[in-house]
Structures are given as C-alpha cells and as structure tokens.
Amino acid sequence: MNRDELVHRLDLIEKMIHESRRNIESWGWIFVLWGVGYILAAGLASLYPTHGGLIWGLTMSTCGVISAGWGIRSRRARVQHTTVGRTIGAIWWSFAVSMFLAGFGLGATQQQAMIPLVMLMMLGLVNFASGLVLKFTTQIVVGVLWWISFVGYLLTSGRVAFGIVIGMVIIGEIFFGIYLMVLERQERRRGATT
C-alpha cells in the first residue's frame, strides 16, 4: 500500500466518523424522550407506589416502541450504512437488551433498588464507548458523568440517591439530547447555506 492509498483510506474513515456523528445528532430527541419517560415514570411511581412496576413497565415499553419504530423508519430512509454507524447501533442495541434483561430480572427477583445502579453504570459505558468511536468529546464526558453518578449513588441512599439519578437523567438524557438537536439544526443551516 502506497502513501496515497493510505491517505485515501484515512480520509474515508474520517468521513465515516463525521457521517456517524451527524447521524447521532439526529437522535437527540430520543435522548430527550427517554429522559422525560424516566422522570415521568419515577414521578408517577412515587405517587402510586402500589402500581410502580406497571407504571415503569408501561412507560419504558412505550419509549422503547417509539424509539424502535423511529429507528426502523429512519434506517430504511438512509441508503448509506457505515461500519462506524453499525458499531454505534450495536452498542446501543446491546445496551437496550441488557437494560431490559436487568429490569425484568431484578424486578422479578424483588431487587428493583438495583435497577438505577445498573442503569447509571450501563449509560456510562454506552455513552463513553459511543463517544470514543465517534471521537465526540461531549459524549465521552457524559459517559464519565454517568459513572460519577454511579459512584455517588453507591455512596448515598434515600432521597439523595434518588436526586443523583434524576439529576443525571436531566443532564445526561434531556440536556444532552437538546444539545444534539441544537448541533443538528446548526448542521442543517450550514448545509443550506453551502
């Protein structure tokens, strides 16, 4: 392989990463959806504790169906699938299946208190990994913040632990999702002016 071929391949890899970053920006509303869904479920479950399992199950299932439906629809609309994009998709699908299994398994064994702990750790992993693959520093930082919240949750209890989870959902889901939507809008404006 000569120098020109190597440069061409590196350019191609950079373009794939850039395209995948643009695609993740278009998923900003999904972060907001899950953040709002989590806060809604937590609020309703605290108001109606005897129906907490049902509330969580319905709310998270609704978020999952909406996310999957939009993902399938948008995947069909896109012709170009990159290796980086498939990697990010695999990371997030693995997360979704793992969280479903954790929620179901921990709920069935009466260990629901562990679910936020697992969620904090897993969201740290999936955001950090996605940020590394995409060379997206903001998402790497979000991943680290999820892990810091995991440690905070371990070291506290009661309302403080609950506040850590809700605070991180607001930062790592809702605010991060809004940030991605702003980036997407800016990218569209740049594309429209060029």
N, C-alpha and C. Protein backbone atom coordinates (compact mmCIF):
# COMPACT_ATOMS: atom_id res chain seq x y z
N MET A 1 0.85 -1.17 0.00
CA MET A 1 0.00 0.00 0.00
C MET A 1 0.90 1.24 0.00
N ASN A 2 0.65 2.13 -0.94
CA ASN A 2 1.47 3.34 -1.01
C ASN A 2 0.85 4.45 -0.15
N ARG A 3 1.57 5.55 -0.07
CA ARG A 3 1.16 6.67 0.78
C ARG A 3 -0.20 7.24 0.37
N ASP A 4 -0.45 7.38 -0.93
CA ASP A 4 -1.72 7.93 -1.40
C ASP A 4 -2.91 7.05 -1.02
N GLU A 5 -2.73 5.73 -1.12
CA GLU A 5 -3.80 4.82 -0.73
C GLU A 5 -4.08 4.92 0.77
N LEU A 6 -3.02 5.03 1.55
CA LEU A 6 -3.17 5.17 2.99
C LEU A 6 -3.90 6.46 3.35
N VAL A 7 -3.52 7.55 2.73
CA VAL A 7 -4.18 8.83 2.97
C VAL A 7 -5.66 8.74 2.57
N HIS A 8 -5.93 8.11 1.43
CA HIS A 8 -7.31 7.96 0.97
C HIS A 8 -8.14 7.15 1.97
N ARG A 9 -7.58 6.08 2.50
CA ARG A 9 -8.29 5.26 3.48
C ARG A 9 -8.54 6.02 4.78
N LEU A 10 -7.56 6.78 5.23
CA LEU A 10 -7.74 7.58 6.43
C LEU A 10 -8.81 8.65 6.22
N ASP A 11 -8.84 9.26 5.05
CA ASP A 11 -9.89 10.23 4.72
C ASP A 11 -11.26 9.57 4.76
N LEU A 12 -11.35 8.37 4.21
CA LEU A 12 -12.61 7.64 4.19
C LEU A 12 -13.08 7.34 5.61
N ILE A 13 -12.16 6.92 6.47
CA ILE A 13 -12.51 6.63 7.87
C ILE A 13 -13.00 7.89 8.56
N GLU A 14 -12.32 9.01 8.34
CA GLU A 14 -12.74 10.29 8.94
C GLU A 14 -14.12 10.70 8.45
N LYS A 15 -14.40 10.50 7.16
CA LYS A 15 -15.73 10.82 6.61
C LYS A 15 -16.80 9.93 7.25
N MET A 16 -16.49 8.66 7.45
CA MET A 16 -17.44 7.74 8.08
C MET A 16 -17.73 8.18 9.52
N ILE A 17 -16.70 8.59 10.24
CA ILE A 17 -16.88 9.05 11.62
C ILE A 17 -17.73 10.31 11.63
N HIS A 18 -17.43 11.26 10.72
CA HIS A 18 -18.20 12.50 10.64
C HIS A 18 -19.66 12.21 10.33
N GLU A 19 -19.92 11.33 9.37
CA GLU A 19 -21.30 10.98 9.00
C GLU A 19 -22.02 10.33 10.17
N SER A 20 -21.34 9.47 10.90
CA SER A 20 -21.95 8.82 12.06
C SER A 20 -22.24 9.82 13.16
N ARG A 21 -21.36 10.81 13.35
CA ARG A 21 -21.62 11.85 14.34
C ARG A 21 -22.85 12.66 13.96
N ARG A 22 -22.98 12.96 12.66
CA ARG A 22 -24.17 13.68 12.20
C ARG A 22 -25.41 12.84 12.45
N ASN A 23 -25.31 11.53 12.25
CA ASN A 23 -26.46 10.66 12.49
C ASN A 23 -26.83 10.62 13.97
N ILE A 24 -25.84 10.57 14.87
CA ILE A 24 -26.15 10.55 16.30
C ILE A 24 -26.81 11.86 16.71
N GLU A 25 -26.42 12.96 16.08
CA GLU A 25 -27.06 14.24 16.37
C GLU A 25 -28.55 14.20 16.03
N SER A 26 -28.92 13.46 14.99
CA SER A 26 -30.33 13.38 14.62
C SER A 26 -31.13 12.52 15.59
N TRP A 27 -30.45 11.85 16.50
CA TRP A 27 -31.12 11.04 17.52
C TRP A 27 -31.29 11.80 18.83
N GLY A 28 -31.02 13.10 18.84
CA GLY A 28 -31.11 13.88 20.08
C GLY A 28 -32.45 13.77 20.77
N TRP A 29 -33.51 13.76 19.97
CA TRP A 29 -34.85 13.70 20.57
C TRP A 29 -35.09 12.38 21.29
N ILE A 30 -34.38 11.32 20.87
CA ILE A 30 -34.52 10.02 21.55
C ILE A 30 -33.99 10.13 22.99
N PHE A 31 -32.87 10.84 23.14
CA PHE A 31 -32.33 11.05 24.50
C PHE A 31 -33.36 11.80 25.35
N VAL A 32 -33.96 12.85 24.76
CA VAL A 32 -34.96 13.62 25.48
C VAL A 32 -36.17 12.74 25.82
N LEU A 33 -36.63 11.94 24.87
CA LEU A 33 -37.76 11.04 25.10
C LEU A 33 -37.51 10.13 26.30
N TRP A 34 -36.36 9.48 26.32
CA TRP A 34 -36.06 8.55 27.42
C TRP A 34 -35.88 9.29 28.74
N GLY A 35 -35.30 10.48 28.70
CA GLY A 35 -35.15 11.27 29.93
C GLY A 35 -36.49 11.67 30.51
N VAL A 36 -37.37 12.19 29.65
CA VAL A 36 -38.71 12.58 30.10
C VAL A 36 -39.49 11.34 30.55
N GLY A 37 -39.35 10.24 29.81
CA GLY A 37 -40.03 8.99 30.18
C GLY A 37 -39.60 8.52 31.56
N TYR A 38 -38.30 8.59 31.83
CA TYR A 38 -37.78 8.15 33.13
C TYR A 38 -38.34 9.02 34.25
N ILE A 39 -38.30 10.33 34.05
CA ILE A 39 -38.79 11.25 35.10
C ILE A 39 -40.29 11.08 35.29
N LEU A 40 -41.02 10.90 34.20
CA LEU A 40 -42.47 10.68 34.29
C LEU A 40 -42.76 9.40 35.08
N ALA A 41 -42.06 8.32 34.74
CA ALA A 41 -42.28 7.05 35.44
C ALA A 41 -41.90 7.17 36.91
N ALA A 42 -40.79 7.83 37.21
CA ALA A 42 -40.37 7.98 38.60
C ALA A 42 -41.40 8.80 39.38
N GLY A 43 -41.89 9.86 38.77
CA GLY A 43 -42.88 10.70 39.45
C GLY A 43 -44.18 9.95 39.69
N LEU A 44 -44.69 9.28 38.67
CA LEU A 44 -45.95 8.54 38.82
C LEU A 44 -45.80 7.37 39.79
N ALA A 45 -44.66 6.68 39.73
CA ALA A 45 -44.43 5.56 40.64
C ALA A 45 -44.34 6.03 42.09
N SER A 46 -43.83 7.24 42.32
CA SER A 46 -43.77 7.74 43.70
C SER A 46 -45.16 8.17 44.18
N LEU A 47 -46.02 8.62 43.25
CA LEU A 47 -47.39 8.98 43.62
C LEU A 47 -48.26 7.75 43.84
N TYR A 48 -48.02 6.70 43.06
CA TYR A 48 -48.81 5.46 43.12
C TYR A 48 -47.88 4.27 43.32
N PRO A 49 -47.27 4.16 44.50
CA PRO A 49 -46.26 3.11 44.73
C PRO A 49 -46.76 1.68 44.55
N THR A 50 -48.04 1.44 44.78
CA THR A 50 -48.54 0.07 44.62
C THR A 50 -48.60 -0.34 43.16
N HIS A 51 -48.53 0.64 42.25
CA HIS A 51 -48.57 0.34 40.81
C HIS A 51 -47.24 0.67 40.13
N GLY A 52 -46.18 0.79 40.93
CA GLY A 52 -44.87 1.19 40.39
C GLY A 52 -44.37 0.30 39.27
N GLY A 53 -44.46 -1.00 39.45
CA GLY A 53 -43.99 -1.93 38.42
C GLY A 53 -44.72 -1.74 37.10
N LEU A 54 -46.04 -1.60 37.19
CA LEU A 54 -46.86 -1.40 35.99
C LEU A 54 -46.51 -0.06 35.32
N ILE A 55 -46.38 0.98 36.13
CA ILE A 55 -46.05 2.31 35.60
C ILE A 55 -44.71 2.28 34.88
N TRP A 56 -43.69 1.71 35.53
CA TRP A 56 -42.37 1.64 34.91
C TRP A 56 -42.41 0.80 33.63
N GLY A 57 -43.08 -0.34 33.72
CA GLY A 57 -43.16 -1.23 32.55
C GLY A 57 -43.83 -0.55 31.36
N LEU A 58 -44.96 0.09 31.61
CA LEU A 58 -45.68 0.76 30.51
C LEU A 58 -44.90 1.95 29.95
N THR A 59 -44.33 2.74 30.83
CA THR A 59 -43.61 3.94 30.38
C THR A 59 -42.36 3.56 29.58
N MET A 60 -41.56 2.66 30.11
CA MET A 60 -40.34 2.28 29.42
C MET A 60 -40.64 1.51 28.13
N SER A 61 -41.70 0.69 28.15
CA SER A 61 -42.09 -0.03 26.93
C SER A 61 -42.55 0.95 25.85
N THR A 62 -43.28 1.98 26.25
CA THR A 62 -43.73 2.99 25.29
C THR A 62 -42.53 3.71 24.68
N CYS A 63 -41.57 4.10 25.52
CA CYS A 63 -40.35 4.73 25.00
C CYS A 63 -39.62 3.79 24.04
N GLY A 64 -39.56 2.52 24.41
CA GLY A 64 -38.88 1.53 23.56
C GLY A 64 -39.55 1.35 22.22
N VAL A 65 -40.88 1.27 22.21
CA VAL A 65 -41.61 1.10 20.95
C VAL A 65 -41.44 2.33 20.06
N ILE A 66 -41.54 3.52 20.65
CA ILE A 66 -41.35 4.75 19.87
C ILE A 66 -39.93 4.78 19.29
N SER A 67 -38.95 4.49 20.11
CA SER A 67 -37.55 4.51 19.66
C SER A 67 -37.31 3.49 18.55
N ALA A 68 -37.77 2.27 18.75
CA ALA A 68 -37.56 1.22 17.75
C ALA A 68 -38.28 1.56 16.45
N GLY A 69 -39.50 2.05 16.56
CA GLY A 69 -40.25 2.42 15.36
C GLY A 69 -39.56 3.51 14.56
N TRP A 70 -39.07 4.53 15.25
CA TRP A 70 -38.37 5.60 14.55
C TRP A 70 -37.05 5.10 13.98
N GLY A 71 -36.37 4.24 14.74
CA GLY A 71 -35.09 3.70 14.27
C GLY A 71 -35.25 2.88 13.01
N ILE A 72 -36.28 2.04 12.98
CA ILE A 72 -36.52 1.23 11.78
C ILE A 72 -36.89 2.12 10.61
N ARG A 73 -37.74 3.10 10.86
CA ARG A 73 -38.16 4.02 9.79
C ARG A 73 -36.98 4.81 9.24
N SER A 74 -36.14 5.34 10.13
CA SER A 74 -35.01 6.15 9.67
C SER A 74 -33.94 5.29 9.01
N ARG A 75 -33.81 4.05 9.46
CA ARG A 75 -32.82 3.16 8.86
C ARG A 75 -33.19 2.84 7.41
N ARG A 76 -34.48 2.65 7.16
CA ARG A 76 -34.94 2.38 5.80
C ARG A 76 -34.73 3.60 4.91
N ALA A 77 -34.86 4.79 5.49
CA ALA A 77 -34.73 6.01 4.71
C ALA A 77 -33.28 6.27 4.30
N ARG A 78 -32.33 5.81 5.12
CA ARG A 78 -30.91 6.02 4.82
C ARG A 78 -30.38 4.90 3.94
N VAL A 79 -29.74 5.29 2.88
CA VAL A 79 -29.17 4.29 1.99
C VAL A 79 -27.78 3.89 2.47
N GLN A 80 -27.03 4.87 2.95
CA GLN A 80 -25.64 4.66 3.32
C GLN A 80 -25.53 4.16 4.76
N HIS A 81 -24.96 2.98 4.94
CA HIS A 81 -24.69 2.44 6.26
C HIS A 81 -23.19 2.27 6.39
N THR A 82 -22.60 2.92 7.38
CA THR A 82 -21.16 2.83 7.56
C THR A 82 -20.84 1.82 8.65
N THR A 83 -19.62 1.38 8.65
CA THR A 83 -19.16 0.47 9.71
C THR A 83 -19.25 1.15 11.06
N VAL A 84 -18.90 2.42 11.11
CA VAL A 84 -18.97 3.17 12.37
C VAL A 84 -20.42 3.26 12.83
N GLY A 85 -21.33 3.54 11.91
CA GLY A 85 -22.75 3.63 12.25
C GLY A 85 -23.30 2.30 12.77
N ARG A 86 -22.91 1.22 12.12
CA ARG A 86 -23.34 -0.10 12.59
C ARG A 86 -22.74 -0.41 13.97
N THR A 87 -21.52 0.02 14.20
CA THR A 87 -20.88 -0.18 15.51
C THR A 87 -21.66 0.55 16.60
N ILE A 88 -22.00 1.80 16.34
CA ILE A 88 -22.76 2.57 17.32
C ILE A 88 -24.13 1.93 17.54
N GLY A 89 -24.77 1.50 16.47
CA GLY A 89 -26.06 0.82 16.59
C GLY A 89 -25.95 -0.44 17.44
N ALA A 90 -24.89 -1.21 17.22
CA ALA A 90 -24.69 -2.44 18.00
C ALA A 90 -24.48 -2.12 19.48
N ILE A 91 -23.74 -1.07 19.76
CA ILE A 91 -23.50 -0.68 21.16
C ILE A 91 -24.83 -0.35 21.83
N TRP A 92 -25.66 0.46 21.18
CA TRP A 92 -26.91 0.89 21.78
C TRP A 92 -27.94 -0.24 21.85
N TRP A 93 -28.00 -1.11 20.84
CA TRP A 93 -28.92 -2.24 20.91
C TRP A 93 -28.50 -3.19 22.03
N SER A 94 -27.20 -3.39 22.21
CA SER A 94 -26.71 -4.23 23.31
C SER A 94 -27.11 -3.64 24.65
N PHE A 95 -27.00 -2.33 24.76
CA PHE A 95 -27.43 -1.63 25.97
C PHE A 95 -28.92 -1.86 26.22
N ALA A 96 -29.74 -1.68 25.17
CA ALA A 96 -31.19 -1.80 25.32
C ALA A 96 -31.58 -3.21 25.79
N VAL A 97 -31.00 -4.21 25.17
CA VAL A 97 -31.31 -5.60 25.56
C VAL A 97 -30.83 -5.85 26.99
N SER A 98 -29.64 -5.38 27.33
CA SER A 98 -29.11 -5.58 28.68
C SER A 98 -29.98 -4.90 29.73
N MET A 99 -30.44 -3.68 29.44
CA MET A 99 -31.29 -2.97 30.40
C MET A 99 -32.65 -3.66 30.54
N PHE A 100 -33.19 -4.16 29.43
CA PHE A 100 -34.45 -4.90 29.50
C PHE A 100 -34.29 -6.13 30.39
N LEU A 101 -33.23 -6.88 30.16
CA LEU A 101 -32.99 -8.09 30.95
C LEU A 101 -32.74 -7.75 32.42
N ALA A 102 -31.98 -6.69 32.67
CA ALA A 102 -31.72 -6.27 34.05
C ALA A 102 -33.01 -5.84 34.73
N GLY A 103 -33.81 -5.03 34.04
CA GLY A 103 -35.07 -4.57 34.62
C GLY A 103 -36.02 -5.72 34.90
N PHE A 104 -36.14 -6.61 33.94
CA PHE A 104 -37.02 -7.77 34.12
C PHE A 104 -36.50 -8.68 35.22
N GLY A 105 -35.22 -9.00 35.16
CA GLY A 105 -34.63 -9.94 36.13
C GLY A 105 -34.62 -9.38 37.54
N LEU A 106 -34.21 -8.14 37.69
CA LEU A 106 -34.16 -7.55 39.03
C LEU A 106 -35.56 -7.30 39.58
N GLY A 107 -36.49 -6.93 38.68
CA GLY A 107 -37.87 -6.75 39.12
C GLY A 107 -38.50 -8.06 39.55
N ALA A 108 -38.25 -9.11 38.80
CA ALA A 108 -38.83 -10.42 39.11
C ALA A 108 -38.28 -11.00 40.40
N THR A 109 -37.07 -10.62 40.77
CA THR A 109 -36.46 -11.14 41.99
C THR A 109 -36.54 -10.15 43.15
N GLN A 110 -37.42 -9.15 42.99
CA GLN A 110 -37.65 -8.15 44.05
C GLN A 110 -36.40 -7.36 44.41
N GLN A 111 -35.57 -7.08 43.42
CA GLN A 111 -34.35 -6.30 43.64
C GLN A 111 -34.38 -5.01 42.82
N GLN A 112 -35.55 -4.37 42.78
CA GLN A 112 -35.73 -3.17 41.96
C GLN A 112 -34.78 -2.04 42.34
N ALA A 113 -34.33 -2.00 43.58
CA ALA A 113 -33.43 -0.93 44.01
C ALA A 113 -32.11 -0.97 43.26
N MET A 114 -31.78 -2.10 42.66
CA MET A 114 -30.53 -2.23 41.90
C MET A 114 -30.65 -1.65 40.49
N ILE A 115 -31.87 -1.48 39.99
CA ILE A 115 -32.06 -1.04 38.60
C ILE A 115 -31.40 0.31 38.33
N PRO A 116 -31.59 1.34 39.19
CA PRO A 116 -30.90 2.62 38.90
C PRO A 116 -29.38 2.48 38.89
N LEU A 117 -28.86 1.64 39.76
CA LEU A 117 -27.42 1.40 39.81
C LEU A 117 -26.92 0.82 38.50
N VAL A 118 -27.62 -0.20 38.01
CA VAL A 118 -27.26 -0.82 36.73
C VAL A 118 -27.39 0.20 35.60
N MET A 119 -28.48 0.98 35.62
CA MET A 119 -28.71 1.98 34.59
C MET A 119 -27.58 3.01 34.53
N LEU A 120 -27.17 3.52 35.70
CA LEU A 120 -26.10 4.51 35.74
C LEU A 120 -24.80 3.95 35.16
N MET A 121 -24.47 2.74 35.54
CA MET A 121 -23.24 2.11 35.06
C MET A 121 -23.32 1.87 33.55
N MET A 122 -24.45 1.31 33.09
CA MET A 122 -24.60 0.97 31.67
C MET A 122 -24.64 2.22 30.79
N LEU A 123 -25.31 3.29 31.25
CA LEU A 123 -25.34 4.52 30.46
C LEU A 123 -23.96 5.16 30.40
N GLY A 124 -23.17 5.00 31.45
CA GLY A 124 -21.78 5.45 31.39
C GLY A 124 -21.03 4.70 30.31
N LEU A 125 -21.19 3.39 30.30
CA LEU A 125 -20.49 2.55 29.33
C LEU A 125 -20.89 2.89 27.90
N VAL A 126 -22.19 2.94 27.63
CA VAL A 126 -22.65 3.12 26.25
C VAL A 126 -22.32 4.52 25.72
N ASN A 127 -22.43 5.54 26.57
CA ASN A 127 -22.08 6.89 26.13
C ASN A 127 -20.57 7.04 25.94
N PHE A 128 -19.80 6.50 26.87
CA PHE A 128 -18.35 6.58 26.76
C PHE A 128 -17.86 5.86 25.50
N ALA A 129 -18.34 4.64 25.29
CA ALA A 129 -17.94 3.86 24.11
C ALA A 129 -18.34 4.57 22.82
N SER A 130 -19.57 5.08 22.76
CA SER A 130 -20.02 5.80 21.57
C SER A 130 -19.17 7.03 21.32
N GLY A 131 -18.89 7.76 22.39
CA GLY A 131 -18.06 8.96 22.25
C GLY A 131 -16.66 8.64 21.76
N LEU A 132 -16.08 7.54 22.23
CA LEU A 132 -14.76 7.13 21.76
C LEU A 132 -14.78 6.77 20.27
N VAL A 133 -15.77 5.98 19.87
CA VAL A 133 -15.87 5.56 18.47
C VAL A 133 -16.06 6.77 17.57
N LEU A 134 -16.91 7.71 18.01
CA LEU A 134 -17.23 8.88 17.18
C LEU A 134 -16.26 10.04 17.35
N LYS A 135 -15.30 9.89 18.26
CA LYS A 135 -14.38 11.00 18.59
C LYS A 135 -15.19 12.24 18.99
N PHE A 136 -16.18 12.03 19.85
CA PHE A 136 -17.13 13.04 20.27
C PHE A 136 -16.92 13.30 21.76
N THR A 137 -16.10 14.29 22.07
CA THR A 137 -15.67 14.56 23.44
C THR A 137 -16.85 14.79 24.38
N THR A 138 -17.86 15.49 23.91
CA THR A 138 -19.01 15.77 24.76
C THR A 138 -19.67 14.48 25.24
N GLN A 139 -19.80 13.51 24.36
CA GLN A 139 -20.43 12.25 24.75
C GLN A 139 -19.52 11.44 25.67
N ILE A 140 -18.23 11.55 25.48
CA ILE A 140 -17.29 10.90 26.42
C ILE A 140 -17.48 11.48 27.81
N VAL A 141 -17.57 12.81 27.90
CA VAL A 141 -17.78 13.48 29.19
C VAL A 141 -19.10 13.04 29.81
N VAL A 142 -20.15 12.94 29.00
CA VAL A 142 -21.44 12.47 29.50
C VAL A 142 -21.30 11.06 30.08
N GLY A 143 -20.56 10.20 29.39
CA GLY A 143 -20.32 8.85 29.90
C GLY A 143 -19.63 8.87 31.26
N VAL A 144 -18.62 9.71 31.38
CA VAL A 144 -17.90 9.83 32.66
C VAL A 144 -18.84 10.35 33.75
N LEU A 145 -19.70 11.32 33.41
CA LEU A 145 -20.65 11.83 34.40
C LEU A 145 -21.63 10.75 34.86
N TRP A 146 -22.04 9.86 33.96
CA TRP A 146 -22.90 8.73 34.37
C TRP A 146 -22.15 7.86 35.38
N TRP A 147 -20.86 7.61 35.11
CA TRP A 147 -20.09 6.78 36.04
C TRP A 147 -19.88 7.46 37.40
N ILE A 148 -19.66 8.76 37.36
CA ILE A 148 -19.52 9.50 38.63
C ILE A 148 -20.83 9.41 39.41
N SER A 149 -21.96 9.51 38.71
CA SER A 149 -23.26 9.38 39.36
C SER A 149 -23.45 7.98 39.94
N PHE A 150 -22.93 6.98 39.25
CA PHE A 150 -22.96 5.60 39.74
C PHE A 150 -22.27 5.54 41.10
N VAL A 151 -21.09 6.13 41.20
CA VAL A 151 -20.34 6.12 42.46
C VAL A 151 -21.12 6.91 43.52
N GLY A 152 -21.66 8.06 43.13
CA GLY A 152 -22.46 8.85 44.07
C GLY A 152 -23.67 8.07 44.59
N TYR A 153 -24.30 7.32 43.72
CA TYR A 153 -25.46 6.50 44.11
C TYR A 153 -25.03 5.42 45.11
N LEU A 154 -23.86 4.83 44.87
CA LEU A 154 -23.35 3.80 45.79
C LEU A 154 -23.07 4.35 47.18
N LEU A 155 -22.62 5.60 47.23
CA LEU A 155 -22.19 6.19 48.50
C LEU A 155 -23.31 6.88 49.27
N THR A 156 -24.50 6.94 48.68
CA THR A 156 -25.61 7.64 49.33
C THR A 156 -26.81 6.70 49.41
N SER A 157 -27.91 7.24 49.89
CA SER A 157 -29.15 6.45 49.94
C SER A 157 -30.34 7.40 49.96
N GLY A 158 -31.51 6.83 49.88
CA GLY A 158 -32.75 7.59 50.01
C GLY A 158 -32.91 8.68 48.98
N ARG A 159 -33.34 9.83 49.46
CA ARG A 159 -33.62 10.96 48.57
C ARG A 159 -32.38 11.49 47.86
N VAL A 160 -31.24 11.41 48.52
CA VAL A 160 -30.01 11.88 47.88
C VAL A 160 -29.68 11.01 46.68
N ALA A 161 -29.76 9.70 46.86
CA ALA A 161 -29.50 8.77 45.75
C ALA A 161 -30.51 8.99 44.63
N PHE A 162 -31.79 9.15 44.99
CA PHE A 162 -32.83 9.41 44.00
C PHE A 162 -32.54 10.71 43.26
N GLY A 163 -32.12 11.74 43.99
CA GLY A 163 -31.78 13.03 43.38
C GLY A 163 -30.60 12.93 42.42
N ILE A 164 -29.64 12.09 42.76
CA ILE A 164 -28.49 11.88 41.86
C ILE A 164 -28.97 11.27 40.54
N VAL A 165 -29.84 10.28 40.63
CA VAL A 165 -30.35 9.64 39.40
C VAL A 165 -31.15 10.64 38.57
N ILE A 166 -32.07 11.34 39.19
CA ILE A 166 -32.90 12.30 38.45
C ILE A 166 -32.04 13.42 37.88
N GLY A 167 -31.09 13.91 38.65
CA GLY A 167 -30.19 14.96 38.16
C GLY A 167 -29.40 14.50 36.95
N MET A 168 -28.92 13.27 37.00
CA MET A 168 -28.13 12.76 35.88
C MET A 168 -29.01 12.48 34.67
N VAL A 169 -30.24 12.05 34.88
CA VAL A 169 -31.16 11.87 33.76
C VAL A 169 -31.41 13.22 33.08
N ILE A 170 -31.56 14.26 33.88
CA ILE A 170 -31.77 15.60 33.29
C ILE A 170 -30.54 16.03 32.50
N ILE A 171 -29.35 15.82 33.06
CA ILE A 171 -28.11 16.24 32.38
C ILE A 171 -27.77 15.31 31.21
N GLY A 172 -27.74 14.01 31.48
CA GLY A 172 -27.23 13.05 30.51
C GLY A 172 -28.21 12.61 29.45
N GLU A 173 -29.49 12.84 29.67
CA GLU A 173 -30.50 12.48 28.68
C GLU A 173 -31.14 13.74 28.09
N ILE A 174 -31.80 14.52 28.93
CA ILE A 174 -32.56 15.67 28.41
C ILE A 174 -31.64 16.76 27.89
N PHE A 175 -30.72 17.25 28.71
CA PHE A 175 -29.82 18.33 28.25
C PHE A 175 -28.92 17.86 27.10
N PHE A 176 -28.39 16.65 27.21
CA PHE A 176 -27.54 16.13 26.13
C PHE A 176 -28.35 15.97 24.85
N GLY A 177 -29.58 15.49 24.97
CA GLY A 177 -30.44 15.37 23.79
C GLY A 177 -30.74 16.71 23.15
N ILE A 178 -31.02 17.71 23.98
CA ILE A 178 -31.26 19.05 23.45
C ILE A 178 -30.00 19.58 22.76
N TYR A 179 -28.85 19.35 23.38
CA TYR A 179 -27.57 19.75 22.78
C TYR A 179 -27.39 19.11 21.40
N LEU A 180 -27.71 17.81 21.28
CA LEU A 180 -27.61 17.13 19.99
C LEU A 180 -28.57 17.73 18.96
N MET A 181 -29.77 18.10 19.41
CA MET A 181 -30.73 18.70 18.48
C MET A 181 -30.25 20.07 18.00
N VAL A 182 -29.62 20.82 18.89
CA VAL A 182 -29.05 22.12 18.50
C VAL A 182 -27.93 21.91 17.47
N LEU A 183 -27.06 20.93 17.72
CA LEU A 183 -25.99 20.63 16.75
C LEU A 183 -26.57 20.23 15.40
N GLU A 184 -27.63 19.44 15.42
CA GLU A 184 -28.26 19.01 14.17
C GLU A 184 -28.83 20.21 13.41
N ARG A 185 -29.49 21.10 14.13
CA ARG A 185 -30.06 22.30 13.50
C ARG A 185 -28.95 23.16 12.90
N GLN A 186 -27.84 23.33 13.63
CA GLN A 186 -26.71 24.11 13.10
C GLN A 186 -26.13 23.46 11.85
N GLU A 187 -26.03 22.14 11.85
CA GLU A 187 -25.50 21.41 10.70
C GLU A 187 -26.42 21.60 9.49
N ARG A 188 -27.72 21.56 9.72
CA ARG A 188 -28.67 21.78 8.62
C ARG A 188 -28.54 23.19 8.05
N ARG A 189 -28.39 24.16 8.94
CA ARG A 189 -28.24 25.55 8.47
C ARG A 189 -26.97 25.71 7.65
N ARG A 190 -25.89 25.09 8.12
CA ARG A 190 -24.62 25.16 7.34
C ARG A 190 -24.79 24.50 5.98
N GLY A 191 -25.50 23.37 5.97
CA GLY A 191 -25.74 22.66 4.71
C GLY A 191 -26.60 23.47 3.77
N ALA A 192 -27.54 24.22 4.32
CA ALA A 192 -28.45 25.01 3.48
C ALA A 192 -27.74 26.24 2.90
N THR A 193 -26.72 26.73 3.59
CA THR A 193 -26.02 27.94 3.11
C THR A 193 -24.87 27.60 2.18
N THR A 194 -24.47 26.32 2.12
CA THR A 194 -23.35 25.97 1.23
C THR A 194 -23.83 25.43 -0.09
